[in-house]
């Protein structure tokens, strides 16, 4: 078991990458789950929701509207970085940082659905929000890994054929994005986000 350093008040920890408070996968009030490496082994938890929240401002507002106006329950949510596949560089944004993908697990009327959103930082296009409906997710970790790889392979598009094979035809639906508005703080006006939430709720 690796040694853990104990922090004293006087020590200035410059590598403050891990959160001060780490839970054992209990969701906090906003539905985010912070992860603890309880076994001292390799930590397979790469949620970077807080770090990349600004890339998903409008999407996060839309998800909040699903809770507020459409009686949805957010079970889980997390943001992962996209990795390179082959020689493609589409997993990177202009600064060289990695592009990300966000997953929100939503429950409505007893049915659990997955909403996926691709980070389009620096692009002049939106990629539809993907809704995976009432799917068998016993192998979700592996399925999500294949989707992330497929998104990069498809040059930032959904790997439709692979998703058909994994989940079945019409079990995953693309929901178009509202038009973005230059200079708007969230990129999308609030009324358009509300309309987007309504269209997503219809598919859940």
N, C-alpha and C. Protein backbone atom coordinates (compact mmCIF):
# COMPACT_ATOMS: atom_id res chain seq x y z
N UNK A 1 0.85 -1.19 0.00
CA UNK A 1 0.00 0.00 0.00
C UNK A 1 0.89 1.24 0.00
N UNK A 2 0.68 2.17 -0.93
CA UNK A 2 1.55 3.34 -0.97
C UNK A 2 1.34 4.22 0.26
N UNK A 3 2.43 4.86 0.68
CA UNK A 3 2.34 5.77 1.83
C UNK A 3 1.56 7.01 1.42
N UNK A 4 0.78 7.52 2.32
CA UNK A 4 0.05 8.75 2.06
C UNK A 4 0.66 9.85 2.92
N UNK A 5 0.92 10.98 2.33
CA UNK A 5 1.50 12.08 3.09
C UNK A 5 0.39 12.78 3.86
N UNK A 6 0.69 13.14 5.09
CA UNK A 6 -0.28 13.87 5.90
C UNK A 6 0.01 15.35 5.78
N UNK A 7 -1.03 16.12 5.53
CA UNK A 7 -0.83 17.56 5.32
C UNK A 7 -0.95 18.28 6.64
N UNK A 8 -0.04 19.17 6.88
CA UNK A 8 -0.17 20.04 8.05
C UNK A 8 -0.55 21.43 7.55
N UNK A 9 -1.05 22.25 8.45
CA UNK A 9 -1.52 23.58 8.05
C UNK A 9 -0.40 24.42 7.46
N UNK A 10 0.82 24.18 7.94
CA UNK A 10 1.93 25.02 7.49
C UNK A 10 2.42 24.65 6.10
N UNK A 11 2.17 23.40 5.69
CA UNK A 11 2.69 22.98 4.39
C UNK A 11 1.83 23.52 3.25
N UNK A 12 2.48 24.06 2.26
CA UNK A 12 1.79 24.55 1.07
C UNK A 12 1.88 23.45 0.03
N UNK A 13 0.77 22.82 -0.24
CA UNK A 13 0.77 21.72 -1.21
C UNK A 13 0.57 22.30 -2.60
N UNK A 14 1.64 22.32 -3.38
CA UNK A 14 1.55 22.92 -4.72
C UNK A 14 0.87 22.00 -5.70
N UNK A 15 0.94 20.70 -5.47
CA UNK A 15 0.30 19.78 -6.42
C UNK A 15 -1.08 19.39 -5.91
N UNK A 16 -1.92 20.38 -5.78
CA UNK A 16 -3.26 20.14 -5.21
C UNK A 16 -4.19 19.66 -6.30
N UNK A 17 -3.93 18.46 -6.79
CA UNK A 17 -4.75 17.92 -7.87
C UNK A 17 -5.95 17.16 -7.32
N UNK A 18 -5.71 16.40 -6.26
CA UNK A 18 -6.82 15.65 -5.65
C UNK A 18 -7.64 16.58 -4.77
N UNK A 19 -8.90 16.30 -4.67
CA UNK A 19 -9.78 17.11 -3.85
C UNK A 19 -9.48 16.86 -2.39
N UNK A 20 -9.65 17.89 -1.54
CA UNK A 20 -9.42 17.74 -0.11
C UNK A 20 -10.40 16.74 0.49
N UNK A 21 -11.63 16.77 0.01
CA UNK A 21 -12.61 15.83 0.55
C UNK A 21 -12.88 14.77 -0.50
N UNK A 22 -12.65 13.54 -0.14
CA UNK A 22 -12.85 12.44 -1.08
C UNK A 22 -13.88 11.50 -0.48
N UNK A 23 -14.84 11.12 -1.29
CA UNK A 23 -15.90 10.27 -0.76
C UNK A 23 -15.74 8.84 -1.25
N UNK A 24 -16.60 7.99 -0.76
CA UNK A 24 -16.60 6.60 -1.23
C UNK A 24 -17.76 6.40 -2.17
N UNK A 25 -17.75 7.17 -3.26
CA UNK A 25 -18.75 7.07 -4.32
C UNK A 25 -20.17 7.40 -3.89
N UNK A 26 -20.33 8.23 -2.86
CA UNK A 26 -21.65 8.73 -2.50
C UNK A 26 -21.88 10.03 -3.24
N UNK A 27 -22.98 10.17 -3.98
CA UNK A 27 -23.21 11.41 -4.71
C UNK A 27 -23.39 12.59 -3.75
N UNK A 28 -22.86 13.74 -4.13
CA UNK A 28 -23.08 14.94 -3.34
C UNK A 28 -24.41 15.56 -3.78
N UNK A 29 -24.73 16.71 -3.22
CA UNK A 29 -26.04 17.31 -3.51
C UNK A 29 -26.22 17.63 -4.99
N UNK A 30 -25.13 17.89 -5.71
CA UNK A 30 -25.27 18.19 -7.14
C UNK A 30 -25.11 16.95 -8.01
N UNK A 31 -25.05 15.78 -7.37
CA UNK A 31 -25.01 14.54 -8.15
C UNK A 31 -23.63 14.12 -8.57
N UNK A 32 -22.61 14.94 -8.28
CA UNK A 32 -21.26 14.58 -8.68
C UNK A 32 -20.71 13.56 -7.69
N UNK A 33 -19.93 12.63 -8.19
CA UNK A 33 -19.30 11.64 -7.32
C UNK A 33 -17.80 11.84 -7.39
N UNK A 34 -17.19 12.11 -6.23
CA UNK A 34 -15.74 12.17 -6.21
C UNK A 34 -15.24 10.78 -5.83
N UNK A 35 -14.07 10.41 -6.31
CA UNK A 35 -13.63 9.04 -6.15
C UNK A 35 -12.46 8.94 -5.22
N UNK A 36 -12.44 7.89 -4.45
CA UNK A 36 -11.31 7.60 -3.58
C UNK A 36 -10.69 6.30 -4.03
N UNK A 37 -9.37 6.26 -4.01
CA UNK A 37 -8.67 5.02 -4.30
C UNK A 37 -8.57 4.27 -2.99
N UNK A 38 -9.55 3.41 -2.73
CA UNK A 38 -9.64 2.76 -1.43
C UNK A 38 -8.66 1.60 -1.29
N UNK A 39 -8.28 1.00 -2.41
CA UNK A 39 -7.46 -0.21 -2.31
C UNK A 39 -5.98 0.03 -2.51
N UNK A 40 -5.59 1.23 -2.80
CA UNK A 40 -4.19 1.51 -3.04
C UNK A 40 -3.72 1.04 -4.40
N UNK A 41 -4.66 0.55 -5.21
CA UNK A 41 -4.29 0.07 -6.54
C UNK A 41 -4.38 1.17 -7.57
N UNK A 42 -4.43 0.79 -8.83
CA UNK A 42 -4.54 1.78 -9.90
C UNK A 42 -5.93 2.37 -9.86
N UNK A 43 -6.00 3.67 -9.88
CA UNK A 43 -7.29 4.35 -9.78
C UNK A 43 -7.88 4.53 -11.17
N UNK A 44 -9.03 3.91 -11.42
CA UNK A 44 -9.65 4.01 -12.72
C UNK A 44 -10.84 4.95 -12.64
N UNK A 45 -10.59 6.14 -12.17
CA UNK A 45 -11.66 7.11 -12.01
C UNK A 45 -11.15 8.43 -12.55
N UNK A 46 -11.60 8.78 -13.73
CA UNK A 46 -11.03 9.95 -14.39
C UNK A 46 -12.06 11.05 -14.56
N UNK A 47 -12.94 11.21 -13.57
CA UNK A 47 -13.95 12.26 -13.66
C UNK A 47 -13.29 13.62 -13.49
N UNK A 48 -13.49 14.49 -14.48
CA UNK A 48 -12.91 15.83 -14.40
C UNK A 48 -13.98 16.88 -14.64
N UNK A 49 -15.16 16.64 -14.03
CA UNK A 49 -16.31 17.52 -14.24
C UNK A 49 -16.02 18.95 -13.84
N UNK A 50 -15.41 19.14 -12.66
CA UNK A 50 -15.16 20.51 -12.18
C UNK A 50 -14.12 21.20 -13.06
N UNK A 51 -13.07 20.49 -13.39
CA UNK A 51 -11.98 21.07 -14.19
C UNK A 51 -12.49 21.56 -15.55
N UNK A 52 -13.45 20.83 -16.14
CA UNK A 52 -13.92 21.16 -17.48
C UNK A 52 -15.35 21.69 -17.52
N UNK A 53 -15.86 22.12 -16.37
CA UNK A 53 -17.27 22.57 -16.30
C UNK A 53 -17.56 23.69 -17.29
N UNK A 54 -16.61 24.59 -17.50
CA UNK A 54 -16.85 25.74 -18.39
C UNK A 54 -17.07 25.31 -19.84
N UNK A 55 -16.63 24.12 -20.21
CA UNK A 55 -16.84 23.64 -21.58
C UNK A 55 -18.26 23.11 -21.79
N UNK A 56 -18.99 22.90 -20.69
CA UNK A 56 -20.32 22.31 -20.78
C UNK A 56 -21.38 23.18 -20.08
N UNK A 57 -21.15 24.49 -20.06
CA UNK A 57 -22.05 25.39 -19.33
C UNK A 57 -23.50 25.23 -19.77
N UNK A 58 -23.77 25.36 -21.08
CA UNK A 58 -25.15 25.28 -21.57
C UNK A 58 -25.72 23.88 -21.34
N UNK A 59 -24.93 22.85 -21.57
CA UNK A 59 -25.40 21.47 -21.36
C UNK A 59 -25.77 21.25 -19.89
N UNK A 60 -24.93 21.75 -18.97
CA UNK A 60 -25.21 21.59 -17.55
C UNK A 60 -26.47 22.33 -17.13
N UNK A 61 -26.71 23.51 -17.72
CA UNK A 61 -27.95 24.25 -17.45
C UNK A 61 -29.14 23.44 -17.95
N UNK A 62 -29.00 22.87 -19.14
CA UNK A 62 -30.07 22.05 -19.71
C UNK A 62 -30.39 20.85 -18.79
N UNK A 63 -29.35 20.20 -18.28
CA UNK A 63 -29.54 19.06 -17.38
C UNK A 63 -30.25 19.50 -16.10
N UNK A 64 -29.89 20.69 -15.59
CA UNK A 64 -30.55 21.23 -14.40
C UNK A 64 -32.04 21.48 -14.69
N UNK A 65 -32.35 21.95 -15.89
CA UNK A 65 -33.75 22.16 -16.28
C UNK A 65 -34.52 20.84 -16.35
N UNK A 66 -33.84 19.76 -16.74
CA UNK A 66 -34.49 18.45 -16.75
C UNK A 66 -34.97 18.08 -15.34
N UNK A 67 -34.14 18.43 -14.35
CA UNK A 67 -34.50 18.16 -12.96
C UNK A 67 -35.64 19.08 -12.50
N UNK A 68 -35.47 20.37 -12.79
CA UNK A 68 -36.41 21.38 -12.28
C UNK A 68 -37.78 21.32 -12.94
N UNK A 69 -37.81 21.14 -14.24
CA UNK A 69 -39.07 21.28 -14.99
C UNK A 69 -39.67 19.96 -15.48
N UNK A 70 -38.84 18.91 -15.53
CA UNK A 70 -39.34 17.66 -16.12
C UNK A 70 -39.25 16.47 -15.16
N UNK A 71 -39.08 16.74 -13.87
CA UNK A 71 -39.10 15.71 -12.83
C UNK A 71 -38.10 14.58 -13.08
N UNK A 72 -36.97 14.92 -13.70
CA UNK A 72 -35.91 13.92 -13.90
C UNK A 72 -35.03 13.85 -12.65
N UNK A 73 -34.46 12.69 -12.42
CA UNK A 73 -33.50 12.52 -11.33
C UNK A 73 -32.14 12.24 -11.95
N UNK A 74 -31.13 13.01 -11.54
CA UNK A 74 -29.77 12.77 -12.03
C UNK A 74 -29.11 11.76 -11.10
N UNK A 75 -28.81 10.60 -11.62
CA UNK A 75 -28.22 9.52 -10.82
C UNK A 75 -26.71 9.67 -10.73
N UNK A 76 -26.10 10.08 -11.81
CA UNK A 76 -24.64 10.17 -11.86
C UNK A 76 -24.26 11.11 -12.99
N UNK A 77 -23.07 11.68 -12.90
CA UNK A 77 -22.54 12.48 -14.01
C UNK A 77 -21.03 12.56 -13.88
N UNK A 78 -20.36 12.55 -15.03
CA UNK A 78 -18.90 12.63 -15.02
C UNK A 78 -18.41 13.10 -16.38
N UNK A 79 -17.18 13.59 -16.39
CA UNK A 79 -16.54 14.11 -17.60
C UNK A 79 -15.20 13.41 -17.76
N UNK A 80 -14.96 12.85 -18.93
CA UNK A 80 -13.69 12.16 -19.21
C UNK A 80 -12.99 12.84 -20.38
N UNK A 81 -11.66 12.74 -20.39
CA UNK A 81 -10.88 13.23 -21.52
C UNK A 81 -10.93 12.20 -22.64
N UNK A 82 -10.82 12.70 -23.88
CA UNK A 82 -10.73 11.80 -25.05
C UNK A 82 -9.25 11.54 -25.33
N UNK A 83 -8.93 10.31 -25.66
CA UNK A 83 -7.55 9.94 -25.94
C UNK A 83 -7.30 9.86 -27.43
N UNK A 84 -6.03 9.93 -27.79
CA UNK A 84 -5.65 9.84 -29.20
C UNK A 84 -5.93 8.45 -29.74
N UNK A 85 -6.41 8.40 -30.98
CA UNK A 85 -6.59 7.13 -31.68
C UNK A 85 -5.84 7.26 -33.00
N UNK A 86 -4.87 6.40 -33.22
CA UNK A 86 -4.06 6.50 -34.44
C UNK A 86 -3.29 7.81 -34.45
N UNK A 87 -3.26 8.46 -35.62
CA UNK A 87 -2.49 9.70 -35.76
C UNK A 87 -3.36 10.95 -35.66
N UNK A 88 -4.63 10.75 -35.50
CA UNK A 88 -5.58 11.86 -35.45
C UNK A 88 -5.28 12.80 -34.29
N UNK A 89 -5.49 14.08 -34.53
CA UNK A 89 -5.28 15.08 -33.47
C UNK A 89 -6.62 15.72 -33.06
N UNK A 90 -7.74 15.14 -33.52
CA UNK A 90 -9.02 15.77 -33.25
C UNK A 90 -9.44 15.66 -31.78
N UNK A 91 -8.69 14.85 -31.00
CA UNK A 91 -9.00 14.76 -29.57
C UNK A 91 -8.41 15.94 -28.79
N UNK A 92 -7.70 16.81 -29.50
CA UNK A 92 -7.08 17.98 -28.85
C UNK A 92 -7.78 19.26 -29.27
N UNK A 93 -7.78 20.26 -28.36
CA UNK A 93 -8.24 21.59 -28.74
C UNK A 93 -7.00 22.40 -29.10
N UNK A 94 -7.18 23.64 -29.55
CA UNK A 94 -6.05 24.44 -30.07
C UNK A 94 -4.91 24.59 -29.08
N UNK A 95 -5.23 24.70 -27.80
CA UNK A 95 -4.18 24.89 -26.78
C UNK A 95 -3.34 23.64 -26.58
N UNK A 96 -3.79 22.52 -27.16
CA UNK A 96 -3.08 21.26 -26.97
C UNK A 96 -3.67 20.43 -25.84
N UNK A 97 -4.63 21.01 -25.10
CA UNK A 97 -5.31 20.26 -24.04
C UNK A 97 -6.25 19.24 -24.68
N UNK A 98 -6.61 18.22 -23.92
CA UNK A 98 -7.49 17.18 -24.45
C UNK A 98 -8.94 17.65 -24.49
N UNK A 99 -9.62 17.23 -25.52
CA UNK A 99 -11.06 17.44 -25.63
C UNK A 99 -11.75 16.45 -24.67
N UNK A 100 -12.98 16.73 -24.29
CA UNK A 100 -13.64 15.88 -23.30
C UNK A 100 -15.02 15.43 -23.76
N UNK A 101 -15.57 14.47 -23.02
CA UNK A 101 -16.93 13.99 -23.25
C UNK A 101 -17.62 13.93 -21.89
N UNK A 102 -18.88 14.35 -21.85
CA UNK A 102 -19.62 14.36 -20.58
C UNK A 102 -20.75 13.34 -20.65
N UNK A 103 -20.94 12.62 -19.56
CA UNK A 103 -22.02 11.64 -19.45
C UNK A 103 -22.88 11.98 -18.24
N UNK A 104 -24.19 12.03 -18.44
CA UNK A 104 -25.13 12.26 -17.34
C UNK A 104 -26.14 11.13 -17.37
N UNK A 105 -26.31 10.46 -16.23
CA UNK A 105 -27.25 9.34 -16.12
C UNK A 105 -28.55 9.90 -15.51
N UNK A 106 -29.64 9.78 -16.28
CA UNK A 106 -30.91 10.42 -15.94
C UNK A 106 -32.00 9.35 -15.77
N UNK A 107 -32.80 9.53 -14.73
CA UNK A 107 -33.93 8.61 -14.51
C UNK A 107 -35.23 9.39 -14.64
N UNK A 108 -36.16 8.84 -15.41
CA UNK A 108 -37.48 9.44 -15.57
C UNK A 108 -38.51 8.32 -15.70
N UNK A 109 -39.56 8.41 -14.91
CA UNK A 109 -40.63 7.39 -14.92
C UNK A 109 -40.08 5.97 -14.76
N UNK A 110 -39.07 5.84 -13.90
CA UNK A 110 -38.50 4.52 -13.62
C UNK A 110 -37.50 4.02 -14.64
N UNK A 111 -37.31 4.78 -15.74
CA UNK A 111 -36.37 4.37 -16.78
C UNK A 111 -35.05 5.15 -16.65
N UNK A 112 -33.94 4.43 -16.80
CA UNK A 112 -32.62 5.06 -16.72
C UNK A 112 -32.08 5.25 -18.14
N UNK A 113 -31.64 6.48 -18.43
CA UNK A 113 -31.09 6.82 -19.74
C UNK A 113 -29.75 7.52 -19.56
N UNK A 114 -28.92 7.45 -20.60
CA UNK A 114 -27.61 8.10 -20.56
C UNK A 114 -27.59 9.23 -21.58
N UNK A 115 -27.18 10.42 -21.14
CA UNK A 115 -27.00 11.55 -22.06
C UNK A 115 -25.51 11.78 -22.25
N UNK A 116 -25.08 11.86 -23.50
CA UNK A 116 -23.67 12.09 -23.81
C UNK A 116 -23.52 13.38 -24.59
N UNK A 117 -22.50 14.15 -24.22
CA UNK A 117 -22.23 15.44 -24.87
C UNK A 117 -20.74 15.53 -25.17
N UNK A 118 -20.41 15.87 -26.41
CA UNK A 118 -19.00 16.02 -26.81
C UNK A 118 -18.59 17.49 -26.70
N UNK A 119 -17.42 17.69 -26.17
CA UNK A 119 -16.82 19.02 -26.01
C UNK A 119 -16.45 19.56 -27.41
N UNK A 120 -17.03 20.72 -27.78
CA UNK A 120 -16.77 21.29 -29.10
C UNK A 120 -15.95 22.59 -29.00
N UNK A 121 -15.17 22.71 -27.93
CA UNK A 121 -14.33 23.90 -27.74
C UNK A 121 -13.51 24.21 -28.99
N UNK A 122 -13.63 25.45 -29.47
CA UNK A 122 -12.83 25.89 -30.62
C UNK A 122 -13.37 25.45 -31.97
N UNK A 123 -14.47 24.71 -32.00
CA UNK A 123 -15.05 24.28 -33.27
C UNK A 123 -16.21 25.20 -33.64
N UNK A 124 -16.50 25.29 -34.92
CA UNK A 124 -17.65 26.11 -35.33
C UNK A 124 -18.83 25.21 -35.67
N UNK A 125 -18.90 24.07 -34.98
CA UNK A 125 -20.04 23.17 -35.20
C UNK A 125 -20.45 22.58 -33.86
N UNK A 126 -21.71 22.22 -33.76
CA UNK A 126 -22.20 21.49 -32.60
C UNK A 126 -22.38 20.03 -33.03
N UNK A 127 -22.21 19.14 -32.08
CA UNK A 127 -22.47 17.72 -32.32
C UNK A 127 -23.69 17.38 -31.47
N UNK A 128 -24.64 16.70 -32.06
CA UNK A 128 -25.89 16.44 -31.35
C UNK A 128 -25.64 15.75 -30.00
N UNK A 129 -26.51 16.05 -29.05
CA UNK A 129 -26.49 15.35 -27.77
C UNK A 129 -26.99 13.94 -28.04
N UNK A 130 -26.33 12.95 -27.48
CA UNK A 130 -26.74 11.56 -27.71
C UNK A 130 -27.48 11.05 -26.47
N UNK A 131 -28.65 10.48 -26.71
CA UNK A 131 -29.45 9.88 -25.64
C UNK A 131 -29.48 8.37 -25.85
N UNK A 132 -28.95 7.63 -24.88
CA UNK A 132 -29.01 6.17 -24.91
C UNK A 132 -30.18 5.76 -24.04
N UNK A 133 -31.16 5.11 -24.62
CA UNK A 133 -32.43 4.87 -23.94
C UNK A 133 -32.58 3.45 -23.41
N UNK A 134 -32.77 3.36 -22.10
CA UNK A 134 -33.14 2.10 -21.46
C UNK A 134 -32.29 0.92 -21.98
N UNK A 135 -31.01 1.09 -21.88
CA UNK A 135 -30.09 0.09 -22.43
C UNK A 135 -29.56 -0.83 -21.33
N UNK A 136 -29.03 -1.96 -21.74
CA UNK A 136 -28.38 -2.88 -20.81
C UNK A 136 -26.98 -2.34 -20.56
N UNK A 137 -26.72 -1.88 -19.34
CA UNK A 137 -25.44 -1.23 -19.06
C UNK A 137 -24.56 -2.03 -18.11
N UNK A 138 -24.74 -3.34 -18.09
CA UNK A 138 -23.89 -4.16 -17.21
C UNK A 138 -22.41 -4.01 -17.59
N UNK A 139 -22.15 -3.74 -18.87
CA UNK A 139 -20.77 -3.55 -19.32
C UNK A 139 -20.53 -2.08 -19.70
N UNK A 140 -21.17 -1.15 -19.00
CA UNK A 140 -21.12 0.25 -19.39
C UNK A 140 -19.70 0.79 -19.46
N UNK A 141 -18.83 0.40 -18.53
CA UNK A 141 -17.46 0.91 -18.52
C UNK A 141 -16.78 0.62 -19.86
N UNK A 142 -16.92 -0.61 -20.31
CA UNK A 142 -16.32 -1.01 -21.59
C UNK A 142 -17.04 -0.34 -22.76
N UNK A 143 -18.37 -0.27 -22.67
CA UNK A 143 -19.15 0.37 -23.74
C UNK A 143 -18.78 1.85 -23.88
N UNK A 144 -18.67 2.55 -22.75
CA UNK A 144 -18.33 3.97 -22.76
C UNK A 144 -16.92 4.16 -23.33
N UNK A 145 -16.02 3.25 -22.99
CA UNK A 145 -14.66 3.31 -23.51
C UNK A 145 -14.67 3.17 -25.04
N UNK A 146 -15.49 2.27 -25.55
CA UNK A 146 -15.60 2.08 -27.01
C UNK A 146 -16.23 3.30 -27.68
N UNK A 147 -17.20 3.92 -27.02
CA UNK A 147 -17.82 5.14 -27.57
C UNK A 147 -16.79 6.25 -27.65
N UNK A 148 -16.01 6.44 -26.57
CA UNK A 148 -14.99 7.50 -26.55
C UNK A 148 -13.98 7.31 -27.68
N UNK A 149 -13.55 6.07 -27.87
CA UNK A 149 -12.60 5.76 -28.95
C UNK A 149 -13.26 6.01 -30.30
N UNK A 150 -14.52 5.58 -30.44
CA UNK A 150 -15.26 5.75 -31.69
C UNK A 150 -15.48 7.20 -32.08
N UNK A 151 -15.71 8.06 -31.08
CA UNK A 151 -15.90 9.49 -31.32
C UNK A 151 -14.66 10.10 -31.97
N UNK A 152 -13.48 9.70 -31.49
CA UNK A 152 -12.23 10.21 -32.05
C UNK A 152 -11.99 9.60 -33.43
N UNK A 153 -12.24 8.30 -33.57
CA UNK A 153 -12.07 7.62 -34.86
C UNK A 153 -12.95 8.28 -35.93
N UNK A 154 -14.15 8.72 -35.52
CA UNK A 154 -15.10 9.36 -36.44
C UNK A 154 -14.83 10.85 -36.59
N UNK A 155 -13.67 11.31 -36.17
CA UNK A 155 -13.31 12.75 -36.23
C UNK A 155 -14.38 13.61 -35.56
N UNK A 156 -14.70 13.27 -34.31
CA UNK A 156 -15.68 13.96 -33.48
C UNK A 156 -17.10 13.81 -34.02
N UNK A 157 -17.48 12.59 -34.24
CA UNK A 157 -18.86 12.26 -34.59
C UNK A 157 -19.23 11.01 -33.80
N UNK A 158 -20.51 10.73 -33.72
CA UNK A 158 -20.93 9.54 -32.98
C UNK A 158 -20.68 8.28 -33.81
N UNK A 159 -20.13 7.23 -33.21
CA UNK A 159 -19.89 5.97 -33.93
C UNK A 159 -21.20 5.18 -34.06
N UNK A 160 -22.07 5.64 -34.94
CA UNK A 160 -23.45 5.14 -35.03
C UNK A 160 -23.53 3.63 -35.22
N UNK A 161 -22.77 3.10 -36.19
CA UNK A 161 -22.85 1.66 -36.46
C UNK A 161 -22.42 0.83 -35.26
N UNK A 162 -21.36 1.28 -34.60
CA UNK A 162 -20.87 0.55 -33.43
C UNK A 162 -21.89 0.62 -32.29
N UNK A 163 -22.54 1.78 -32.16
CA UNK A 163 -23.55 1.93 -31.11
C UNK A 163 -24.79 1.08 -31.43
N UNK A 164 -25.13 0.96 -32.72
CA UNK A 164 -26.21 0.05 -33.13
C UNK A 164 -25.88 -1.38 -32.69
N UNK A 165 -24.63 -1.77 -32.93
CA UNK A 165 -24.20 -3.13 -32.59
C UNK A 165 -24.21 -3.35 -31.08
N UNK A 166 -23.82 -2.31 -30.32
CA UNK A 166 -23.76 -2.46 -28.86
C UNK A 166 -25.13 -2.42 -28.20
N UNK A 167 -26.00 -1.51 -28.66
CA UNK A 167 -27.24 -1.24 -27.93
C UNK A 167 -28.51 -1.63 -28.69
N UNK A 168 -28.39 -1.77 -30.00
CA UNK A 168 -29.58 -2.03 -30.81
C UNK A 168 -30.02 -0.78 -31.53
N UNK A 169 -30.65 -0.99 -32.67
CA UNK A 169 -31.12 0.11 -33.52
C UNK A 169 -32.18 0.93 -32.77
N UNK A 170 -32.10 2.24 -32.87
CA UNK A 170 -33.04 3.17 -32.24
C UNK A 170 -32.98 3.20 -30.72
N UNK A 171 -31.95 2.58 -30.15
CA UNK A 171 -31.76 2.67 -28.70
C UNK A 171 -30.90 3.89 -28.35
N UNK A 172 -30.33 4.51 -29.40
CA UNK A 172 -29.56 5.74 -29.18
C UNK A 172 -30.05 6.78 -30.18
N UNK A 173 -30.32 7.95 -29.66
CA UNK A 173 -30.96 8.99 -30.48
C UNK A 173 -30.14 10.27 -30.38
N UNK A 174 -29.91 10.90 -31.52
CA UNK A 174 -29.26 12.21 -31.53
C UNK A 174 -30.29 13.31 -31.36
N UNK A 175 -30.02 14.26 -30.47
CA UNK A 175 -30.93 15.38 -30.24
C UNK A 175 -30.17 16.65 -30.62
N UNK A 176 -30.69 17.35 -31.64
CA UNK A 176 -29.93 18.48 -32.17
C UNK A 176 -29.77 19.60 -31.15
N UNK A 177 -28.67 20.31 -31.32
CA UNK A 177 -28.31 21.42 -30.45
C UNK A 177 -29.02 22.69 -30.86
N UNK A 178 -29.31 23.56 -29.88
CA UNK A 178 -29.77 24.90 -30.26
C UNK A 178 -28.63 25.65 -30.95
N UNK A 179 -28.98 26.66 -31.71
CA UNK A 179 -27.95 27.49 -32.36
C UNK A 179 -27.24 28.33 -31.29
N UNK A 180 -25.94 28.43 -31.44
CA UNK A 180 -25.19 29.26 -30.49
C UNK A 180 -25.26 30.72 -30.92
N UNK A 181 -25.09 31.58 -29.95
CA UNK A 181 -25.14 33.03 -30.20
C UNK A 181 -23.82 33.63 -29.77
N UNK A 182 -23.18 34.31 -30.70
CA UNK A 182 -21.88 34.94 -30.44
C UNK A 182 -21.99 35.92 -29.27
N UNK A 183 -21.06 35.79 -28.33
CA UNK A 183 -21.02 36.74 -27.22
C UNK A 183 -21.94 36.40 -26.07
N UNK A 184 -22.81 35.41 -26.23
CA UNK A 184 -23.71 35.04 -25.13
C UNK A 184 -22.91 34.27 -24.08
N UNK A 185 -23.16 34.55 -22.80
CA UNK A 185 -22.32 33.98 -21.73
C UNK A 185 -22.29 32.45 -21.75
N UNK A 186 -23.37 31.81 -22.08
CA UNK A 186 -23.38 30.34 -22.13
C UNK A 186 -23.24 29.83 -23.55
N UNK A 187 -23.18 30.74 -24.51
CA UNK A 187 -23.10 30.34 -25.92
C UNK A 187 -24.47 30.12 -26.52
N UNK A 188 -25.47 29.86 -25.68
CA UNK A 188 -26.83 29.57 -26.14
C UNK A 188 -27.81 30.35 -25.27
N UNK A 189 -28.77 31.07 -25.86
CA UNK A 189 -29.74 31.81 -25.04
C UNK A 189 -30.59 30.87 -24.17
N UNK A 190 -30.99 31.38 -23.01
CA UNK A 190 -31.73 30.57 -22.03
C UNK A 190 -32.99 29.94 -22.61
N UNK A 191 -33.74 30.71 -23.41
CA UNK A 191 -34.99 30.15 -23.96
C UNK A 191 -34.70 28.97 -24.89
N UNK A 192 -33.57 29.04 -25.60
CA UNK A 192 -33.18 27.92 -26.47
C UNK A 192 -32.76 26.70 -25.66
N UNK A 193 -32.12 26.94 -24.50
CA UNK A 193 -31.73 25.83 -23.63
C UNK A 193 -32.98 25.15 -23.08
N UNK A 194 -34.00 25.95 -22.75
CA UNK A 194 -35.25 25.38 -22.25
C UNK A 194 -35.92 24.51 -23.31
N UNK A 195 -35.90 24.98 -24.54
CA UNK A 195 -36.45 24.21 -25.67
C UNK A 195 -35.67 22.90 -25.86
N UNK A 196 -34.35 22.99 -25.73
CA UNK A 196 -33.45 21.83 -25.83
C UNK A 196 -33.81 20.81 -24.74
N UNK A 197 -33.99 21.28 -23.51
CA UNK A 197 -34.35 20.40 -22.40
C UNK A 197 -35.68 19.69 -22.69
N UNK A 198 -36.63 20.43 -23.28
CA UNK A 198 -37.92 19.84 -23.63
C UNK A 198 -37.77 18.73 -24.65
N UNK A 199 -36.91 18.97 -25.65
CA UNK A 199 -36.70 17.96 -26.69
C UNK A 199 -35.98 16.73 -26.13
N UNK A 200 -35.05 16.96 -25.18
CA UNK A 200 -34.37 15.83 -24.55
C UNK A 200 -35.37 15.04 -23.70
N UNK A 201 -36.19 15.74 -22.92
CA UNK A 201 -37.16 15.07 -22.03
C UNK A 201 -38.11 14.18 -22.83
N UNK A 202 -38.48 14.62 -24.04
CA UNK A 202 -39.38 13.82 -24.89
C UNK A 202 -38.78 12.46 -25.24
N UNK A 203 -37.44 12.42 -25.29
CA UNK A 203 -36.76 11.19 -25.72
C UNK A 203 -36.45 10.26 -24.55
N UNK A 204 -36.57 10.75 -23.34
CA UNK A 204 -36.19 9.94 -22.16
C UNK A 204 -37.23 8.87 -21.87
